[in-house]
Amino acid sequence: MNCTIPLIACYWKRVAFCTWCISFVLAIGLCALADFGGPPWIFILCGLWLCSFGLPTTLSLLSVAALWENPPWLPTLPTFAVYAAIISFAVQTMSVLIVIRFLSHSGINEPNAPPVC
């Protein structure tokens, strides 16, 4: 495969899905681990991921949690989990696409090379 832009653009769906999965599992795992008192180094390492590659997922999860008002006819936890997963995946995918667009137009490519894979 001849790819003239960074490799992230060729596999953007996989990158978006993998970064979302890692971020979603880390955020949920850290919340559960915080209840039981985990070692500090785990929070530091996972926090570095969540504040860098997982920042869109982290911010969307925090926003959904802050704005969540559950209607009385819906079960609380399953509905919240579904909404949080859908919104965080959408935000993570949009941010990956924005990064790809920025990288493809920032002069990283070879001169005179078209920005397609």
PDB file of N, CA and C in Angstrom:
ATOM      1  N   MET A   1       0.846  -1.174   0.000  1.00  0.00           N
ATOM      2  CA  MET A   1       0.000   0.000   0.000  1.00  0.00           C
ATOM      3  C   MET A   1       0.889   1.233   0.000  1.00  0.00           C
ATOM      4  N   ASN A   2       0.604   2.115  -0.919  1.00  0.00           N
ATOM      5  CA  ASN A   2       1.382   3.337  -1.020  1.00  0.00           C
ATOM      6  C   ASN A   2       0.627   4.452  -0.298  1.00  0.00           C
ATOM      7  N   CYS A   3       1.133   4.846   0.821  1.00  0.00           N
ATOM      8  CA  CYS A   3       0.469   5.874   1.620  1.00  0.00           C
ATOM      9  C   CYS A   3       1.399   7.064   1.741  1.00  0.00           C
ATOM     10  N   THR A   4       0.933   8.215   1.260  1.00  0.00           N
ATOM     11  CA  THR A   4       1.793   9.384   1.285  1.00  0.00           C
ATOM     12  C   THR A   4       1.568  10.256   2.505  1.00  0.00           C
ATOM     13  N   ILE A   5       0.510  10.019   3.242  1.00  0.00           N
ATOM     14  CA  ILE A   5       0.287  10.752   4.482  1.00  0.00           C
ATOM     15  C   ILE A   5       0.558   9.802   5.634  1.00  0.00           C
ATOM     16  N   PRO A   6       0.611  10.304   6.850  1.00  0.00           N
ATOM     17  CA  PRO A   6       0.944   9.427   7.967  1.00  0.00           C
ATOM     18  C   PRO A   6       0.062   8.182   8.023  1.00  0.00           C
ATOM     19  N   LEU A   7       0.595   7.140   8.581  1.00  0.00           N
ATOM     20  CA  LEU A   7      -0.070   5.841   8.637  1.00  0.00           C
ATOM     21  C   LEU A   7      -1.408   5.896   9.348  1.00  0.00           C
ATOM     22  N   ILE A   8      -1.579   6.847  10.235  1.00  0.00           N
ATOM     23  CA  ILE A   8      -2.837   6.981  10.963  1.00  0.00           C
ATOM     24  C   ILE A   8      -3.990   7.239  10.001  1.00  0.00           C
ATOM     25  N   ALA A   9      -3.725   7.909   8.888  1.00  0.00           N
ATOM     26  CA  ALA A   9      -4.788   8.217   7.933  1.00  0.00           C
ATOM     27  C   ALA A   9      -5.223   6.987   7.151  1.00  0.00           C
ATOM     28  N   CYS A  10      -4.332   6.054   6.953  1.00  0.00           N
ATOM     29  CA  CYS A  10      -4.693   4.850   6.214  1.00  0.00           C
ATOM     30  C   CYS A  10      -5.585   3.930   7.036  1.00  0.00           C
ATOM     31  N   TYR A  11      -5.414   3.937   8.329  1.00  0.00           N
ATOM     32  CA  TYR A  11      -6.172   3.059   9.210  1.00  0.00           C
ATOM     33  C   TYR A  11      -6.946   3.851  10.252  1.00  0.00           C
ATOM     34  N   TRP A  12      -7.604   4.925   9.839  1.00  0.00           N
ATOM     35  CA  TRP A  12      -8.233   5.827  10.800  1.00  0.00           C
ATOM     36  C   TRP A  12      -9.372   5.163  11.554  1.00  0.00           C
ATOM     37  N   LYS A  13     -10.081   4.229  10.943  1.00  0.00           N
ATOM     38  CA  LYS A  13     -11.172   3.551  11.652  1.00  0.00           C
ATOM     39  C   LYS A  13     -10.624   2.686  12.782  1.00  0.00           C
ATOM     40  N   ARG A  14      -9.550   1.981  12.495  1.00  0.00           N
ATOM     41  CA  ARG A  14      -8.930   1.145  13.533  1.00  0.00           C
ATOM     42  C   ARG A  14      -8.334   1.995  14.645  1.00  0.00           C
ATOM     43  N   VAL A  15      -7.703   3.086  14.270  1.00  0.00           N
ATOM     44  CA  VAL A  15      -7.105   3.975  15.267  1.00  0.00           C
ATOM     45  C   VAL A  15      -8.183   4.568  16.164  1.00  0.00           C
ATOM     46  N   ALA A  16      -9.272   5.026  15.560  1.00  0.00           N
ATOM     47  CA  ALA A  16     -10.361   5.613  16.345  1.00  0.00           C
ATOM     48  C   ALA A  16     -10.968   4.579  17.279  1.00  0.00           C
ATOM     49  N   PHE A  17     -11.218   3.382  16.772  1.00  0.00           N
ATOM     50  CA  PHE A  17     -11.836   2.344  17.602  1.00  0.00           C
ATOM     51  C   PHE A  17     -10.906   1.887  18.719  1.00  0.00           C
ATOM     52  N   CYS A  18      -9.633   1.670  18.400  1.00  0.00           N
ATOM     53  CA  CYS A  18      -8.687   1.188  19.424  1.00  0.00           C
ATOM     54  C   CYS A  18      -8.434   2.237  20.503  1.00  0.00           C
ATOM     55  N   THR A  19      -8.261   3.499  20.105  1.00  0.00           N
ATOM     56  CA  THR A  19      -8.042   4.525  21.126  1.00  0.00           C
ATOM     57  C   THR A  19      -9.288   4.720  21.978  1.00  0.00           C
ATOM     58  N   TRP A  20     -10.471   4.580  21.377  1.00  0.00           N
ATOM     59  CA  TRP A  20     -11.702   4.685  22.150  1.00  0.00           C
ATOM     60  C   TRP A  20     -11.831   3.521  23.125  1.00  0.00           C
ATOM     61  N   CYS A  21     -11.567   2.304  22.651  1.00  0.00           N
ATOM     62  CA  CYS A  21     -11.675   1.129  23.532  1.00  0.00           C
ATOM     63  C   CYS A  21     -10.719   1.235  24.715  1.00  0.00           C
ATOM     64  N   ILE A  22      -9.481   1.575  24.439  1.00  0.00           N
ATOM     65  CA  ILE A  22      -8.498   1.690  25.514  1.00  0.00           C
ATOM     66  C   ILE A  22      -8.914   2.772  26.500  1.00  0.00           C
ATOM     67  N   SER A  23      -9.325   3.914  25.985  1.00  0.00           N
ATOM     68  CA  SER A  23      -9.707   5.018  26.862  1.00  0.00           C
ATOM     69  C   SER A  23     -10.948   4.702  27.679  1.00  0.00           C
ATOM     70  N   PHE A  24     -11.943   4.086  27.062  1.00  0.00           N
ATOM     71  CA  PHE A  24     -13.187   3.758  27.752  1.00  0.00           C
ATOM     72  C   PHE A  24     -12.942   2.749  28.868  1.00  0.00           C
ATOM     73  N   VAL A  25     -12.174   1.713  28.568  1.00  0.00           N
ATOM     74  CA  VAL A  25     -11.876   0.693  29.581  1.00  0.00           C
ATOM     75  C   VAL A  25     -11.014   1.274  30.700  1.00  0.00           C
ATOM     76  N   LEU A  26     -10.033   2.101  30.353  1.00  0.00           N
ATOM     77  CA  LEU A  26      -9.194   2.709  31.385  1.00  0.00           C
ATOM     78  C   LEU A  26     -10.002   3.634  32.297  1.00  0.00           C
ATOM     79  N   ALA A  27     -10.884   4.427  31.719  1.00  0.00           N
ATOM     80  CA  ALA A  27     -11.678   5.353  32.535  1.00  0.00           C
ATOM     81  C   ALA A  27     -12.588   4.590  33.490  1.00  0.00           C
ATOM     82  N   ILE A  28     -13.245   3.566  32.996  1.00  0.00           N
ATOM     83  CA  ILE A  28     -14.117   2.762  33.858  1.00  0.00           C
ATOM     84  C   ILE A  28     -13.298   2.004  34.892  1.00  0.00           C
ATOM     85  N   GLY A  29     -12.181   1.443  34.459  1.00  0.00           N
ATOM     86  CA  GLY A  29     -11.328   0.706  35.392  1.00  0.00           C
ATOM     87  C   GLY A  29     -10.739   1.585  36.482  1.00  0.00           C
ATOM     88  N   LEU A  30     -10.355   2.800  36.123  1.00  0.00           N
ATOM     89  CA  LEU A  30      -9.807   3.710  37.131  1.00  0.00           C
ATOM     90  C   LEU A  30     -10.863   4.140  38.137  1.00  0.00           C
ATOM     91  N   CYS A  31     -12.090   4.321  37.670  1.00  0.00           N
ATOM     92  CA  CYS A  31     -13.164   4.670  38.617  1.00  0.00           C
ATOM     93  C   CYS A  31     -13.410   3.524  39.595  1.00  0.00           C
ATOM     94  N   ALA A  32     -13.412   2.303  39.089  1.00  0.00           N
ATOM     95  CA  ALA A  32     -13.602   1.148  39.972  1.00  0.00           C
ATOM     96  C   ALA A  32     -12.409   0.963  40.897  1.00  0.00           C
ATOM     97  N   LEU A  33     -11.214   1.157  40.368  1.00  0.00           N
ATOM     98  CA  LEU A  33     -10.007   0.986  41.174  1.00  0.00           C
ATOM     99  C   LEU A  33      -9.874   2.070  42.236  1.00  0.00           C
ATOM    100  N   ALA A  34     -10.392   3.244  41.959  1.00  0.00           N
ATOM    101  CA  ALA A  34     -10.335   4.330  42.945  1.00  0.00           C
ATOM    102  C   ALA A  34     -11.175   3.998  44.174  1.00  0.00           C
ATOM    103  N   ASP A  35     -12.247   3.244  43.986  1.00  0.00           N
ATOM    104  CA  ASP A  35     -13.074   2.845  45.119  1.00  0.00           C
ATOM    105  C   ASP A  35     -12.351   1.872  46.046  1.00  0.00           C
ATOM    106  N   PHE A  36     -11.462   1.067  45.484  1.00  0.00           N
ATOM    107  CA  PHE A  36     -10.781   0.043  46.273  1.00  0.00           C
ATOM    108  C   PHE A  36      -9.364   0.429  46.658  1.00  0.00           C
ATOM    109  N   GLY A  37      -8.893   1.588  46.256  1.00  0.00           N
ATOM    110  CA  GLY A  37      -7.575   2.063  46.650  1.00  0.00           C
ATOM    111  C   GLY A  37      -6.448   1.388  45.905  1.00  0.00           C
ATOM    112  N   GLY A  38      -6.290   1.746  44.658  1.00  0.00           N
ATOM    113  CA  GLY A  38      -5.222   1.176  43.845  1.00  0.00           C
ATOM    114  C   GLY A  38      -3.900   1.886  44.072  1.00  0.00           C
ATOM    115  N   PRO A  39      -2.808   1.295  43.584  1.00  0.00           N
ATOM    116  CA  PRO A  39      -1.497   1.929  43.730  1.00  0.00           C
ATOM    117  C   PRO A  39      -1.402   3.203  42.889  1.00  0.00           C
ATOM    118  N   PRO A  40      -0.695   4.202  43.389  1.00  0.00           N
ATOM    119  CA  PRO A  40      -0.628   5.498  42.700  1.00  0.00           C
ATOM    120  C   PRO A  40      -0.009   5.438  41.308  1.00  0.00           C
ATOM    121  N   TRP A  41       0.932   4.542  41.074  1.00  0.00           N
ATOM    122  CA  TRP A  41       1.589   4.519  39.778  1.00  0.00           C
ATOM    123  C   TRP A  41       0.625   4.128  38.664  1.00  0.00           C
ATOM    124  N   ILE A  42      -0.392   3.329  38.972  1.00  0.00           N
ATOM    125  CA  ILE A  42      -1.389   2.966  37.961  1.00  0.00           C
ATOM    126  C   ILE A  42      -2.185   4.202  37.556  1.00  0.00           C
ATOM    127  N   PHE A  43      -2.547   5.023  38.544  1.00  0.00           N
ATOM    128  CA  PHE A  43      -3.307   6.232  38.237  1.00  0.00           C
ATOM    129  C   PHE A  43      -2.481   7.222  37.426  1.00  0.00           C
ATOM    130  N   ILE A  44      -1.196   7.276  37.684  1.00  0.00           N
ATOM    131  CA  ILE A  44      -0.325   8.183  36.929  1.00  0.00           C
ATOM    132  C   ILE A  44      -0.197   7.730  35.485  1.00  0.00           C
ATOM    133  N   LEU A  45       0.080   6.444  35.273  1.00  0.00           N
ATOM    134  CA  LEU A  45       0.238   5.940  33.909  1.00  0.00           C
ATOM    135  C   LEU A  45      -1.063   6.028  33.118  1.00  0.00           C
ATOM    136  N   CYS A  46      -2.142   5.615  33.724  1.00  0.00           N
ATOM    137  CA  CYS A  46      -3.434   5.679  33.027  1.00  0.00           C
ATOM    138  C   CYS A  46      -3.884   7.125  32.827  1.00  0.00           C
ATOM    139  N   GLY A  47      -3.565   7.987  33.769  1.00  0.00           N
ATOM    140  CA  GLY A  47      -3.894   9.400  33.629  1.00  0.00           C
ATOM    141  C   GLY A  47      -3.144  10.045  32.480  1.00  0.00           C
ATOM    142  N   LEU A  48      -1.910   9.608  32.246  1.00  0.00           N
ATOM    143  CA  LEU A  48      -1.158  10.126  31.098  1.00  0.00           C
ATOM    144  C   LEU A  48      -1.847   9.763  29.784  1.00  0.00           C
ATOM    145  N   TRP A  49      -2.331   8.523  29.692  1.00  0.00           N
ATOM    146  CA  TRP A  49      -3.053   8.121  28.484  1.00  0.00           C
ATOM    147  C   TRP A  49      -4.344   8.924  28.345  1.00  0.00           C
ATOM    148  N   LEU A  50      -5.101   9.011  29.444  1.00  0.00           N
ATOM    149  CA  LEU A  50      -6.399   9.677  29.386  1.00  0.00           C
ATOM    150  C   LEU A  50      -6.285  11.178  29.135  1.00  0.00           C
ATOM    151  N   CYS A  51      -5.139  11.757  29.438  1.00  0.00           N
ATOM    152  CA  CYS A  51      -4.942  13.189  29.188  1.00  0.00           C
ATOM    153  C   CYS A  51      -4.227  13.457  27.870  1.00  0.00           C
ATOM    154  N   SER A  52      -3.907  12.413  27.124  1.00  0.00           N
ATOM    155  CA  SER A  52      -3.259  12.619  25.829  1.00  0.00           C
ATOM    156  C   SER A  52      -4.127  12.016  24.721  1.00  0.00           C
ATOM    157  N   PHE A  53      -3.913  10.756  24.385  1.00  0.00           N
ATOM    158  CA  PHE A  53      -4.663  10.135  23.296  1.00  0.00           C
ATOM    159  C   PHE A  53      -6.133   9.933  23.652  1.00  0.00           C
ATOM    160  N   GLY A  54      -6.429   9.730  24.914  1.00  0.00           N
ATOM    161  CA  GLY A  54      -7.796   9.480  25.328  1.00  0.00           C
ATOM    162  C   GLY A  54      -8.540  10.705  25.804  1.00  0.00           C
ATOM    163  N   LEU A  55      -7.996  11.884  25.550  1.00  0.00           N
ATOM    164  CA  LEU A  55      -8.632  13.109  26.040  1.00  0.00           C
ATOM    165  C   LEU A  55     -10.049  13.322  25.502  1.00  0.00           C
ATOM    166  N   PRO A  56     -10.320  13.094  24.225  1.00  0.00           N
ATOM    167  CA  PRO A  56     -11.703  13.276  23.762  1.00  0.00           C
ATOM    168  C   PRO A  56     -12.691  12.346  24.469  1.00  0.00           C
ATOM    169  N   THR A  57     -12.301  11.103  24.658  1.00  0.00           N
ATOM    170  CA  THR A  57     -13.176  10.163  25.362  1.00  0.00           C
ATOM    171  C   THR A  57     -13.351  10.580  26.808  1.00  0.00           C
ATOM    172  N   THR A  58     -12.275  10.978  27.442  1.00  0.00           N
ATOM    173  CA  THR A  58     -12.345  11.391  28.842  1.00  0.00           C
ATOM    174  C   THR A  58     -13.258  12.603  29.020  1.00  0.00           C
ATOM    175  N   LEU A  59     -13.089  13.605  28.177  1.00  0.00           N
ATOM    176  CA  LEU A  59     -13.919  14.803  28.283  1.00  0.00           C
ATOM    177  C   LEU A  59     -15.391  14.512  27.980  1.00  0.00           C
ATOM    178  N   SER A  60     -15.634  13.647  27.007  1.00  0.00           N
ATOM    179  CA  SER A  60     -17.033  13.332  26.705  1.00  0.00           C
ATOM    180  C   SER A  60     -17.675  12.515  27.814  1.00  0.00           C
ATOM    181  N   LEU A  61     -16.935  11.607  28.432  1.00  0.00           N
ATOM    182  CA  LEU A  61     -17.479  10.848  29.566  1.00  0.00           C
ATOM    183  C   LEU A  61     -17.769  11.767  30.748  1.00  0.00           C
ATOM    184  N   LEU A  62     -16.867  12.698  31.009  1.00  0.00           N
ATOM    185  CA  LEU A  62     -17.100  13.643  32.098  1.00  0.00           C
ATOM    186  C   LEU A  62     -18.284  14.558  31.796  1.00  0.00           C
ATOM    187  N   SER A  63     -18.439  14.958  30.539  1.00  0.00           N
ATOM    188  CA  SER A  63     -19.571  15.809  30.169  1.00  0.00           C
ATOM    189  C   SER A  63     -20.898  15.073  30.293  1.00  0.00           C
ATOM    190  N   VAL A  64     -20.933  13.837  29.844  1.00  0.00           N
ATOM    191  CA  VAL A  64     -22.163  13.054  29.960  1.00  0.00           C
ATOM    192  C   VAL A  64     -22.505  12.830  31.430  1.00  0.00           C
ATOM    193  N   ALA A  65     -21.500  12.547  32.238  1.00  0.00           N
ATOM    194  CA  ALA A  65     -21.751  12.329  33.667  1.00  0.00           C
ATOM    195  C   ALA A  65     -22.233  13.601  34.349  1.00  0.00           C
ATOM    196  N   ALA A  66     -21.702  14.745  33.939  1.00  0.00           N
ATOM    197  CA  ALA A  66     -22.093  16.004  34.571  1.00  0.00           C
ATOM    198  C   ALA A  66     -23.498  16.436  34.147  1.00  0.00           C
ATOM    199  N   LEU A  67     -23.869  16.136  32.914  1.00  0.00           N
ATOM    200  CA  LEU A  67     -25.146  16.592  32.395  1.00  0.00           C
ATOM    201  C   LEU A  67     -26.256  15.543  32.469  1.00  0.00           C
ATOM    202  N   TRP A  68     -25.935  14.385  33.038  1.00  0.00           N
ATOM    203  CA  TRP A  68     -26.890  13.271  33.024  1.00  0.00           C
ATOM    204  C   TRP A  68     -28.074  13.539  33.948  1.00  0.00           C
ATOM    205  N   GLU A  69     -29.245  13.531  33.341  1.00  0.00           N
ATOM    206  CA  GLU A  69     -30.493  13.551  34.089  1.00  0.00           C
ATOM    207  C   GLU A  69     -31.336  12.424  33.529  1.00  0.00           C
ATOM    208  N   ASN A  70     -31.498  11.384  34.283  1.00  0.00           N
ATOM    209  CA  ASN A  70     -32.174  10.202  33.796  1.00  0.00           C
ATOM    210  C   ASN A  70     -33.685  10.361  33.868  1.00  0.00           C
ATOM    211  N   PRO A  71     -34.373  10.087  32.761  1.00  0.00           N
ATOM    212  CA  PRO A  71     -35.833  10.071  32.831  1.00  0.00           C
ATOM    213  C   PRO A  71     -36.298   8.940  33.760  1.00  0.00           C
ATOM    214  N   PRO A  72     -37.394   9.131  34.470  1.00  0.00           N
ATOM    215  CA  PRO A  72     -37.805   8.137  35.459  1.00  0.00           C
ATOM    216  C   PRO A  72     -38.205   6.788  34.872  1.00  0.00           C
ATOM    217  N   TRP A  73     -38.560   6.718  33.586  1.00  0.00           N
ATOM    218  CA  TRP A  73     -38.994   5.453  33.018  1.00  0.00           C
ATOM    219  C   TRP A  73     -37.841   4.619  32.452  1.00  0.00           C
ATOM    220  N   LEU A  74     -36.608   5.138  32.476  1.00  0.00           N
ATOM    221  CA  LEU A  74     -35.454   4.396  31.970  1.00  0.00           C
ATOM    222  C   LEU A  74     -34.592   3.903  33.118  1.00  0.00           C
ATOM    223  N   PRO A  75     -34.034   2.698  32.987  1.00  0.00           N
ATOM    224  CA  PRO A  75     -33.080   2.245  33.996  1.00  0.00           C
ATOM    225  C   PRO A  75     -31.818   3.108  33.953  1.00  0.00           C
ATOM    226  N   THR A  76     -31.288   3.411  35.102  1.00  0.00           N
ATOM    227  CA  THR A  76     -30.224   4.402  35.195  1.00  0.00           C
ATOM    228  C   THR A  76     -28.901   3.945  34.598  1.00  0.00           C
ATOM    229  N   LEU A  77     -28.309   2.909  35.139  1.00  0.00           N
ATOM    230  CA  LEU A  77     -26.953   2.531  34.748  1.00  0.00           C
ATOM    231  C   LEU A  77     -26.850   2.039  33.304  1.00  0.00           C
ATOM    232  N   PRO A  78     -27.705   1.130  32.842  1.00  0.00           N
ATOM    233  CA  PRO A  78     -27.562   0.693  31.439  1.00  0.00           C
ATOM    234  C   PRO A  78     -27.755   1.822  30.432  1.00  0.00           C
ATOM    235  N   THR A  79     -28.717   2.684  30.694  1.00  0.00           N
ATOM    236  CA  THR A  79     -28.960   3.790  29.775  1.00  0.00           C
ATOM    237  C   THR A  79     -27.775   4.747  29.756  1.00  0.00           C
ATOM    238  N   PHE A  80     -27.243   5.060  30.928  1.00  0.00           N
ATOM    239  CA  PHE A  80     -26.074   5.931  31.008  1.00  0.00           C
ATOM    240  C   PHE A  80     -24.893   5.308  30.278  1.00  0.00           C
ATOM    241  N   ALA A  81     -24.677   4.006  30.458  1.00  0.00           N
ATOM    242  CA  ALA A  81     -23.547   3.343  29.812  1.00  0.00           C
ATOM    243  C   ALA A  81     -23.662   3.387  28.293  1.00  0.00           C
ATOM    244  N   VAL A  82     -24.866   3.170  27.786  1.00  0.00           N
ATOM    245  CA  VAL A  82     -25.061   3.205  26.329  1.00  0.00           C
ATOM    246  C   VAL A  82     -24.843   4.613  25.792  1.00  0.00           C
ATOM    247  N   TYR A  83     -25.451   5.607  26.419  1.00  0.00           N
ATOM    248  CA  TYR A  83     -25.268   6.988  25.968  1.00  0.00           C
ATOM    249  C   TYR A  83     -23.805   7.420  26.071  1.00  0.00           C
ATOM    250  N   ALA A  84     -23.164   7.089  27.155  1.00  0.00           N
ATOM    251  CA  ALA A  84     -21.762   7.470  27.325  1.00  0.00           C
ATOM    252  C   ALA A  84     -20.877   6.808  26.276  1.00  0.00           C
ATOM    253  N   ALA A  85     -21.140   5.542  25.981  1.00  0.00           N
ATOM    254  CA  ALA A  85     -20.335   4.838  24.983  1.00  0.00           C
ATOM    255  C   ALA A  85     -20.535   5.429  23.591  1.00  0.00           C
ATOM    256  N   ILE A  86     -21.776   5.699  23.233  1.00  0.00           N
ATOM    257  CA  ILE A  86     -22.056   6.229  21.897  1.00  0.00           C
ATOM    258  C   ILE A  86     -21.458   7.624  21.729  1.00  0.00           C
ATOM    259  N   ILE A  87     -21.681   8.482  22.701  1.00  0.00           N
ATOM    260  CA  ILE A  87     -21.179   9.852  22.591  1.00  0.00           C
ATOM    261  C   ILE A  87     -19.656   9.888  22.624  1.00  0.00           C
ATOM    262  N   SER A  88     -19.046   9.105  23.506  1.00  0.00           N
ATOM    263  CA  SER A  88     -17.581   9.124  23.579  1.00  0.00           C
ATOM    264  C   SER A  88     -16.948   8.542  22.315  1.00  0.00           C
ATOM    265  N   PHE A  89     -17.579   7.522  21.727  1.00  0.00           N
ATOM    266  CA  PHE A  89     -17.051   6.969  20.474  1.00  0.00           C
ATOM    267  C   PHE A  89     -17.153   7.988  19.347  1.00  0.00           C
ATOM    268  N   ALA A  90     -18.267   8.696  19.276  1.00  0.00           N
ATOM    269  CA  ALA A  90     -18.428   9.713  18.235  1.00  0.00           C
ATOM    270  C   ALA A  90     -17.403  10.837  18.394  1.00  0.00           C
ATOM    271  N   VAL A  91     -17.189  11.275  19.619  1.00  0.00           N
ATOM    272  CA  VAL A  91     -16.226  12.356  19.857  1.00  0.00           C
ATOM    273  C   VAL A  91     -14.802  11.888  19.559  1.00  0.00           C
ATOM    274  N   GLN A  92     -14.463  10.669  19.947  1.00  0.00           N
ATOM    275  CA  GLN A  92     -13.123  10.141  19.669  1.00  0.00           C
ATOM    276  C   GLN A  92     -12.900  10.008  18.165  1.00  0.00           C
ATOM    277  N   THR A  93     -13.899   9.534  17.431  1.00  0.00           N
ATOM    278  CA  THR A  93     -13.770   9.393  15.986  1.00  0.00           C
ATOM    279  C   THR A  93     -13.612  10.748  15.318  1.00  0.00           C
ATOM    280  N   MET A  94     -14.402  11.730  15.736  1.00  0.00           N
ATOM    281  CA  MET A  94     -14.266  13.071  15.155  1.00  0.00           C
ATOM    282  C   MET A  94     -12.894  13.665  15.439  1.00  0.00           C
ATOM    283  N   SER A  95     -12.366  13.441  16.636  1.00  0.00           N
ATOM    284  CA  SER A  95     -11.055  14.004  16.952  1.00  0.00           C
ATOM    285  C   SER A  95      -9.947  13.331  16.151  1.00  0.00           C
ATOM    286  N   VAL A  96     -10.061  12.028  15.900  1.00  0.00           N
ATOM    287  CA  VAL A  96      -9.074  11.351  15.056  1.00  0.00           C
ATOM    288  C   VAL A  96      -9.129  11.912  13.643  1.00  0.00           C
ATOM    289  N   LEU A  97     -10.319  12.143  13.125  1.00  0.00           N
ATOM    290  CA  LEU A  97     -10.440  12.717  11.788  1.00  0.00           C
ATOM    291  C   LEU A  97      -9.887  14.140  11.724  1.00  0.00           C
ATOM    292  N   ILE A  98     -10.083  14.916  12.774  1.00  0.00           N
ATOM    293  CA  ILE A  98      -9.528  16.268  12.814  1.00  0.00           C
ATOM    294  C   ILE A  98      -8.006  16.230  12.842  1.00  0.00           C
ATOM    295  N   VAL A  99      -7.432  15.321  13.606  1.00  0.00           N
ATOM    296  CA  VAL A  99      -5.970  15.184  13.656  1.00  0.00           C
ATOM    297  C   VAL A  99      -5.430  14.763  12.296  1.00  0.00           C
ATOM    298  N   ILE A 100      -6.118  13.852  11.625  1.00  0.00           N
ATOM    299  CA  ILE A 100      -5.683  13.418  10.290  1.00  0.00           C
ATOM    300  C   ILE A 100      -5.725  14.587   9.316  1.00  0.00           C
ATOM    301  N   ARG A 101      -6.791  15.355   9.363  1.00  0.00           N
ATOM    302  CA  ARG A 101      -6.901  16.509   8.467  1.00  0.00           C
ATOM    303  C   ARG A 101      -5.793  17.515   8.745  1.00  0.00           C
ATOM    304  N   PHE A 102      -5.507  17.739  10.030  1.00  0.00           N
ATOM    305  CA  PHE A 102      -4.427  18.661  10.384  1.00  0.00           C
ATOM    306  C   PHE A 102      -3.083  18.145   9.891  1.00  0.00           C
ATOM    307  N   LEU A 103      -2.820  16.850  10.093  1.00  0.00           N
ATOM    308  CA  LEU A 103      -1.539  16.289   9.662  1.00  0.00           C
ATOM    309  C   LEU A 103      -1.397  16.274   8.144  1.00  0.00           C
ATOM    310  N   SER A 104      -2.501  16.047   7.451  1.00  0.00           N
ATOM    311  CA  SER A 104      -2.398  15.975   5.994  1.00  0.00           C
ATOM    312  C   SER A 104      -2.235  17.347   5.355  1.00  0.00           C
ATOM    313  N   HIS A 105      -2.586  18.418   6.064  1.00  0.00           N
ATOM    314  CA  HIS A 105      -2.458  19.756   5.500  1.00  0.00           C
ATOM    315  C   HIS A 105      -1.381  20.595   6.184  1.00  0.00           C
ATOM    316  N   SER A 106      -0.564  19.982   7.028  1.00  0.00           N
ATOM    317  CA  SER A 106       0.413  20.772   7.774  1.00  0.00           C
ATOM    318  C   SER A 106       1.809  20.741   7.178  1.00  0.00           C
ATOM    319  N   GLY A 107       1.962  20.162   6.006  1.00  0.00           N
ATOM    320  CA  GLY A 107       3.267  20.154   5.365  1.00  0.00           C
ATOM    321  C   GLY A 107       4.125  18.972   5.754  1.00  0.00           C
ATOM    322  N   ILE A 108       3.553  17.982   6.409  1.00  0.00           N
ATOM    323  CA  ILE A 108       4.316  16.792   6.770  1.00  0.00           C
ATOM    324  C   ILE A 108       4.506  15.905   5.549  1.00  0.00           C
ATOM    325  N   ASN A 109       3.586  15.976   4.615  1.00  0.00           N
ATOM    326  CA  ASN A 109       3.659  15.141   3.409  1.00  0.00           C
ATOM    327  C   ASN A 109       4.870  15.513   2.566  1.00  0.00           C
ATOM    328  N   GLU A 110       5.135  14.619   1.641  1.00  0.00           N
ATOM    329  CA  GLU A 110       6.165  14.933   0.652  1.00  0.00           C
ATOM    330  C   GLU A 110       5.650  16.059  -0.233  1.00  0.00           C
ATOM    331  N   PRO A 111       6.531  16.895  -0.751  1.00  0.00           N
ATOM    332  CA  PRO A 111       6.063  17.951  -1.652  1.00  0.00           C
ATOM    333  C   PRO A 111       5.414  17.345  -2.895  1.00  0.00           C
ATOM    334  N   ASN A 112       4.345  17.936  -3.341  1.00  0.00           N
ATOM    335  CA  ASN A 112       3.631  17.540  -4.550  1.00  0.00           C
ATOM    336  C   ASN A 112       2.984  16.152  -4.452  1.00  0.00           C
ATOM    337  N   ALA A 113       2.832  15.610  -3.255  1.00  0.00           N
ATOM    338  CA  ALA A 113       2.189  14.311  -3.102  1.00  0.00           C
ATOM    339  C   ALA A 113       0.714  14.515  -2.735  1.00  0.00           C
ATOM    340  N   PRO A 114      -0.180  13.804  -3.394  1.00  0.00           N
ATOM    341  CA  PRO A 114      -1.592  13.959  -3.066  1.00  0.00           C
ATOM    342  C   PRO A 114      -1.908  13.336  -1.698  1.00  0.00           C
ATOM    343  N   PRO A 115      -2.797  13.937  -0.926  1.00  0.00           N
ATOM    344  CA  PRO A 115      -3.091  13.412   0.425  1.00  0.00           C
ATOM    345  C   PRO A 115      -4.107  12.291   0.413  1.00  0.00           C
ATOM    346  N   VAL A 116      -3.810  11.212  -0.323  1.00  0.00           N
ATOM    347  CA  VAL A 116      -4.683  10.040  -0.338  1.00  0.00           C
ATOM    348  C   VAL A 116      -3.846   8.799  -0.140  1.00  0.00           C
ATOM    349  N   CYS A 117      -4.485   7.730   0.295  1.00  0.00           N
ATOM    350  CA  CYS A 117      -3.792   6.441   0.465  1.00  0.00           C
ATOM    351  C   CYS A 117      -3.946   5.608  -0.772  1.00  0.00           C
TER     352      CYS A 117
END
